[in-house]
Structures are given as C-alpha cells and as structure tokens.
Amino acid sequence: MSARVKPIALQILGKEYNIACTPEEQETLILSANKLDKEMRNLRDSGKINGGERIAVMVSLNIMHEFQLLKEKRDAPEQEFADQINNLTYKIESVLEN
C-alpha cells in the first residue's frame, strides 16, 4: 500500500467499514458514505424493506438509476449537436452532388 493511502473508518447502517483512500479522496468518500447511510436508514425506517442486504441492493439500484438519468441528461446535448452536424453534412453533400 502506498504511503499516501490510509484507511478511514466509515459508519454505514450501524456497521463500521475501513476503506483505504488517498487524502484527496477522503472528503468525497465521507460525503458519499454519509449519503448512502442516510438513504439506507430512510428505506429501512419506512418499513417497506427488511434486511440489510435487500436495503443495500434497493438503495444501490436507486443511486444507479439517478446516475443513469444524469448521464443521459448530460449526453443529450452532445447527441443533439452530432445529429445537427450529420444533418448539415447531408444537406451540403446533397447540394454539391447537384
């Protein structure tokens, strides 16, 4: 293990996890763990799902769904721009052929 990588203790749903990270990653990792803990507690406290593993899977699925929506939203302007470029290229080629 690199001298810069050190374990930090994170509490998630009442359990401690030691995760190795660099000092630069530490703040983001703590924020992520706190958000995960909050989401898992909210789901557990709602009474809709029982069991740590099931809660973890459902929260993971919700987070990945959120991530996918953000990724699609981010990529939409790029795809729209690419479509416009392709459309203009087609128009230019059509004019040049005539």
N, C-alpha and C. Protein backbone atom coordinates (compact mmCIF):
# COMPACT_ATOMS: atom_id res chain seq x y z
N MET A 1 0.85 -1.17 0.00
CA MET A 1 0.00 0.00 0.00
C MET A 1 0.89 1.23 0.00
N SER A 2 0.52 2.23 -0.79
CA SER A 2 1.27 3.46 -0.88
C SER A 2 1.22 4.20 0.46
N ALA A 3 2.26 4.98 0.74
CA ALA A 3 2.30 5.75 1.98
C ALA A 3 1.18 6.79 2.01
N ARG A 4 0.72 7.21 0.86
CA ARG A 4 -0.34 8.21 0.80
C ARG A 4 -1.73 7.62 1.02
N VAL A 5 -1.88 6.34 0.85
CA VAL A 5 -3.18 5.70 1.02
C VAL A 5 -3.31 5.25 2.47
N LYS A 6 -4.39 5.74 3.10
CA LYS A 6 -4.63 5.38 4.50
C LYS A 6 -6.08 4.99 4.68
N PRO A 7 -6.34 4.04 5.57
CA PRO A 7 -7.73 3.64 5.80
C PRO A 7 -8.47 4.68 6.65
N ILE A 8 -9.74 4.86 6.32
CA ILE A 8 -10.60 5.68 7.16
C ILE A 8 -11.80 4.82 7.55
N ALA A 9 -12.33 5.08 8.73
CA ALA A 9 -13.47 4.32 9.24
C ALA A 9 -14.76 5.04 8.87
N LEU A 10 -15.66 4.31 8.24
CA LEU A 10 -16.95 4.85 7.84
C LEU A 10 -18.06 4.04 8.50
N GLN A 11 -19.09 4.72 8.97
CA GLN A 11 -20.24 4.05 9.57
C GLN A 11 -21.39 4.06 8.57
N ILE A 12 -21.86 2.86 8.23
CA ILE A 12 -23.00 2.74 7.32
C ILE A 12 -23.98 1.75 7.93
N LEU A 13 -25.15 2.23 8.22
CA LEU A 13 -26.24 1.44 8.81
C LEU A 13 -25.76 0.70 10.07
N GLY A 14 -25.00 1.42 10.90
CA GLY A 14 -24.56 0.88 12.18
C GLY A 14 -23.35 -0.03 12.12
N LYS A 15 -22.78 -0.20 10.96
CA LYS A 15 -21.60 -1.05 10.84
C LYS A 15 -20.42 -0.20 10.40
N GLU A 16 -19.23 -0.57 10.90
CA GLU A 16 -18.04 0.17 10.54
C GLU A 16 -17.32 -0.51 9.38
N TYR A 17 -16.90 0.31 8.43
CA TYR A 17 -16.15 -0.17 7.28
C TYR A 17 -14.87 0.65 7.19
N ASN A 18 -13.74 -0.02 7.09
CA ASN A 18 -12.45 0.64 6.90
C ASN A 18 -12.13 0.62 5.41
N ILE A 19 -12.01 1.82 4.85
CA ILE A 19 -11.79 1.96 3.42
C ILE A 19 -10.49 2.73 3.20
N ALA A 20 -9.63 2.17 2.36
CA ALA A 20 -8.36 2.84 2.04
C ALA A 20 -8.59 3.88 0.96
N CYS A 21 -8.05 5.07 1.18
CA CYS A 21 -8.15 6.12 0.18
C CYS A 21 -7.03 7.13 0.38
N THR A 22 -6.83 7.93 -0.64
CA THR A 22 -5.83 8.99 -0.56
C THR A 22 -6.45 10.17 0.18
N PRO A 23 -5.64 11.07 0.70
CA PRO A 23 -6.18 12.25 1.38
C PRO A 23 -7.10 13.08 0.47
N GLU A 24 -6.80 13.11 -0.82
CA GLU A 24 -7.63 13.87 -1.77
C GLU A 24 -9.02 13.27 -1.93
N GLU A 25 -9.15 11.98 -1.76
CA GLU A 25 -10.43 11.29 -1.92
C GLU A 25 -11.26 11.26 -0.64
N GLN A 26 -10.64 11.56 0.48
CA GLN A 26 -11.26 11.35 1.78
C GLN A 26 -12.57 12.12 1.96
N GLU A 27 -12.60 13.40 1.64
CA GLU A 27 -13.80 14.20 1.84
C GLU A 27 -14.97 13.68 1.02
N THR A 28 -14.71 13.38 -0.25
CA THR A 28 -15.77 12.87 -1.12
C THR A 28 -16.25 11.51 -0.66
N LEU A 29 -15.34 10.67 -0.21
CA LEU A 29 -15.71 9.35 0.28
C LEU A 29 -16.59 9.45 1.52
N ILE A 30 -16.25 10.35 2.42
CA ILE A 30 -17.05 10.55 3.64
C ILE A 30 -18.44 11.06 3.27
N LEU A 31 -18.52 12.03 2.36
CA LEU A 31 -19.82 12.54 1.92
C LEU A 31 -20.66 11.43 1.28
N SER A 32 -20.01 10.61 0.46
CA SER A 32 -20.71 9.50 -0.20
C SER A 32 -21.24 8.50 0.82
N ALA A 33 -20.39 8.17 1.80
CA ALA A 33 -20.81 7.22 2.84
C ALA A 33 -21.96 7.78 3.66
N ASN A 34 -21.91 9.06 3.96
CA ASN A 34 -23.00 9.68 4.73
C ASN A 34 -24.30 9.68 3.94
N LYS A 35 -24.23 9.96 2.65
CA LYS A 35 -25.44 9.92 1.81
C LYS A 35 -25.99 8.50 1.73
N LEU A 36 -25.10 7.53 1.54
CA LEU A 36 -25.53 6.14 1.48
C LEU A 36 -26.18 5.72 2.79
N ASP A 37 -25.57 6.08 3.90
CA ASP A 37 -26.13 5.75 5.22
C ASP A 37 -27.51 6.36 5.39
N LYS A 38 -27.66 7.62 5.01
CA LYS A 38 -28.95 8.30 5.11
C LYS A 38 -30.02 7.61 4.27
N GLU A 39 -29.67 7.30 3.02
CA GLU A 39 -30.62 6.63 2.11
C GLU A 39 -31.03 5.26 2.67
N MET A 40 -30.05 4.52 3.16
CA MET A 40 -30.35 3.19 3.69
C MET A 40 -31.22 3.28 4.95
N ARG A 41 -30.93 4.23 5.81
CA ARG A 41 -31.74 4.42 7.01
C ARG A 41 -33.17 4.83 6.66
N ASN A 42 -33.31 5.73 5.70
CA ASN A 42 -34.65 6.16 5.28
C ASN A 42 -35.46 4.98 4.76
N LEU A 43 -34.84 4.14 3.95
CA LEU A 43 -35.54 2.98 3.40
C LEU A 43 -35.89 1.98 4.50
N ARG A 44 -34.93 1.73 5.38
CA ARG A 44 -35.18 0.82 6.50
C ARG A 44 -36.30 1.34 7.39
N ASP A 45 -36.26 2.63 7.71
CA ASP A 45 -37.25 3.22 8.62
C ASP A 45 -38.63 3.33 8.00
N SER A 46 -38.71 3.28 6.67
CA SER A 46 -40.02 3.32 6.00
C SER A 46 -40.80 2.03 6.24
N GLY A 47 -40.06 0.97 6.59
CA GLY A 47 -40.71 -0.32 6.86
C GLY A 47 -41.07 -1.09 5.61
N LYS A 48 -40.74 -0.57 4.43
CA LYS A 48 -41.10 -1.24 3.18
C LYS A 48 -40.20 -2.43 2.88
N ILE A 49 -38.95 -2.36 3.34
CA ILE A 49 -37.98 -3.42 3.04
C ILE A 49 -37.25 -3.79 4.31
N ASN A 50 -37.08 -5.09 4.53
CA ASN A 50 -36.36 -5.59 5.69
C ASN A 50 -35.07 -6.27 5.24
N GLY A 51 -34.08 -6.22 6.10
CA GLY A 51 -32.82 -6.90 5.82
C GLY A 51 -31.80 -5.99 5.18
N GLY A 52 -30.61 -5.96 5.77
CA GLY A 52 -29.55 -5.09 5.30
C GLY A 52 -29.17 -5.29 3.85
N GLU A 53 -29.12 -6.56 3.43
CA GLU A 53 -28.72 -6.83 2.05
C GLU A 53 -29.76 -6.31 1.06
N ARG A 54 -31.03 -6.53 1.35
CA ARG A 54 -32.09 -6.05 0.46
C ARG A 54 -32.12 -4.53 0.41
N ILE A 55 -31.90 -3.90 1.57
CA ILE A 55 -31.85 -2.44 1.63
C ILE A 55 -30.69 -1.94 0.78
N ALA A 56 -29.52 -2.57 0.91
CA ALA A 56 -28.34 -2.16 0.15
C ALA A 56 -28.58 -2.28 -1.35
N VAL A 57 -29.22 -3.37 -1.77
CA VAL A 57 -29.49 -3.57 -3.20
C VAL A 57 -30.46 -2.51 -3.71
N MET A 58 -31.52 -2.24 -2.96
CA MET A 58 -32.51 -1.26 -3.41
C MET A 58 -31.91 0.15 -3.47
N VAL A 59 -31.13 0.51 -2.46
CA VAL A 59 -30.51 1.84 -2.47
C VAL A 59 -29.50 1.93 -3.61
N SER A 60 -28.73 0.87 -3.84
CA SER A 60 -27.78 0.86 -4.96
C SER A 60 -28.51 1.02 -6.29
N LEU A 61 -29.61 0.33 -6.43
CA LEU A 61 -30.39 0.44 -7.66
C LEU A 61 -30.92 1.86 -7.84
N ASN A 62 -31.41 2.47 -6.76
CA ASN A 62 -31.91 3.85 -6.84
C ASN A 62 -30.79 4.82 -7.22
N ILE A 63 -29.61 4.64 -6.62
CA ILE A 63 -28.49 5.52 -6.92
C ILE A 63 -28.05 5.35 -8.37
N MET A 64 -27.97 4.13 -8.86
CA MET A 64 -27.57 3.89 -10.24
C MET A 64 -28.61 4.45 -11.22
N HIS A 65 -29.88 4.36 -10.86
CA HIS A 65 -30.93 4.93 -11.71
C HIS A 65 -30.76 6.44 -11.79
N GLU A 66 -30.53 7.08 -10.65
CA GLU A 66 -30.27 8.51 -10.61
C GLU A 66 -29.06 8.88 -11.47
N PHE A 67 -28.01 8.11 -11.33
CA PHE A 67 -26.78 8.33 -12.09
C PHE A 67 -27.05 8.21 -13.59
N GLN A 68 -27.80 7.19 -13.99
CA GLN A 68 -28.11 6.98 -15.41
C GLN A 68 -28.91 8.14 -15.97
N LEU A 69 -29.88 8.64 -15.20
CA LEU A 69 -30.68 9.78 -15.66
C LEU A 69 -29.80 11.01 -15.84
N LEU A 70 -28.89 11.25 -14.90
CA LEU A 70 -27.98 12.39 -15.02
C LEU A 70 -27.06 12.24 -16.22
N LYS A 71 -26.58 11.03 -16.45
CA LYS A 71 -25.69 10.77 -17.58
C LYS A 71 -26.42 11.01 -18.90
N GLU A 72 -27.66 10.52 -18.99
CA GLU A 72 -28.44 10.73 -20.21
C GLU A 72 -28.71 12.21 -20.44
N LYS A 73 -29.01 12.92 -19.36
CA LYS A 73 -29.27 14.36 -19.46
C LYS A 73 -28.00 15.09 -19.92
N ARG A 74 -26.85 14.66 -19.41
CA ARG A 74 -25.58 15.28 -19.80
C ARG A 74 -25.24 14.98 -21.26
N ASP A 75 -25.52 13.76 -21.70
CA ASP A 75 -25.16 13.34 -23.06
C ASP A 75 -26.14 13.84 -24.12
N ALA A 76 -27.33 14.25 -23.73
CA ALA A 76 -28.36 14.65 -24.70
C ALA A 76 -27.90 15.81 -25.58
N PRO A 77 -27.33 16.89 -25.03
CA PRO A 77 -26.89 17.98 -25.91
C PRO A 77 -25.81 17.54 -26.90
N GLU A 78 -24.92 16.67 -26.48
CA GLU A 78 -23.87 16.18 -27.38
C GLU A 78 -24.49 15.40 -28.54
N GLN A 79 -25.48 14.56 -28.25
CA GLN A 79 -26.13 13.78 -29.29
C GLN A 79 -26.91 14.69 -30.23
N GLU A 80 -27.58 15.69 -29.66
CA GLU A 80 -28.33 16.64 -30.48
C GLU A 80 -27.39 17.40 -31.41
N PHE A 81 -26.25 17.81 -30.90
CA PHE A 81 -25.25 18.52 -31.71
C PHE A 81 -24.73 17.61 -32.83
N ALA A 82 -24.44 16.36 -32.50
CA ALA A 82 -23.96 15.40 -33.50
C ALA A 82 -25.01 15.18 -34.58
N ASP A 83 -26.28 15.10 -34.20
CA ASP A 83 -27.36 14.93 -35.17
C ASP A 83 -27.45 16.14 -36.10
N GLN A 84 -27.29 17.34 -35.54
CA GLN A 84 -27.34 18.55 -36.36
C GLN A 84 -26.18 18.59 -37.34
N ILE A 85 -24.99 18.20 -36.88
CA ILE A 85 -23.82 18.16 -37.77
C ILE A 85 -24.06 17.17 -38.91
N ASN A 86 -24.58 15.99 -38.57
CA ASN A 86 -24.87 14.98 -39.60
C ASN A 86 -25.90 15.49 -40.60
N ASN A 87 -26.91 16.18 -40.10
CA ASN A 87 -27.95 16.74 -40.96
C ASN A 87 -27.37 17.79 -41.91
N LEU A 88 -26.54 18.68 -41.36
CA LEU A 88 -25.89 19.70 -42.20
C LEU A 88 -24.95 19.07 -43.22
N THR A 89 -24.22 18.05 -42.81
CA THR A 89 -23.31 17.35 -43.73
C THR A 89 -24.11 16.74 -44.88
N TYR A 90 -25.25 16.12 -44.55
CA TYR A 90 -26.09 15.52 -45.58
C TYR A 90 -26.58 16.60 -46.55
N LYS A 91 -27.02 17.75 -46.03
CA LYS A 91 -27.51 18.83 -46.88
C LYS A 91 -26.41 19.36 -47.80
N ILE A 92 -25.22 19.54 -47.24
CA ILE A 92 -24.09 20.04 -48.03
C ILE A 92 -23.74 19.06 -49.14
N GLU A 93 -23.68 17.77 -48.80
CA GLU A 93 -23.37 16.75 -49.80
C GLU A 93 -24.43 16.69 -50.90
N SER A 94 -25.68 16.87 -50.49
CA SER A 94 -26.78 16.86 -51.48
C SER A 94 -26.64 18.03 -52.44
N VAL A 95 -26.31 19.20 -51.94
CA VAL A 95 -26.16 20.38 -52.78
C VAL A 95 -24.95 20.20 -53.71
N LEU A 96 -23.87 19.69 -53.20
CA LEU A 96 -22.66 19.51 -54.00
C LEU A 96 -22.85 18.46 -55.09
N GLU A 97 -23.70 17.47 -54.87
CA GLU A 97 -23.95 16.44 -55.88
C GLU A 97 -24.76 17.00 -57.04
N ASN A 98 -25.58 18.00 -56.78
CA ASN A 98 -26.42 18.60 -57.83
C ASN A 98 -25.64 19.65 -58.51
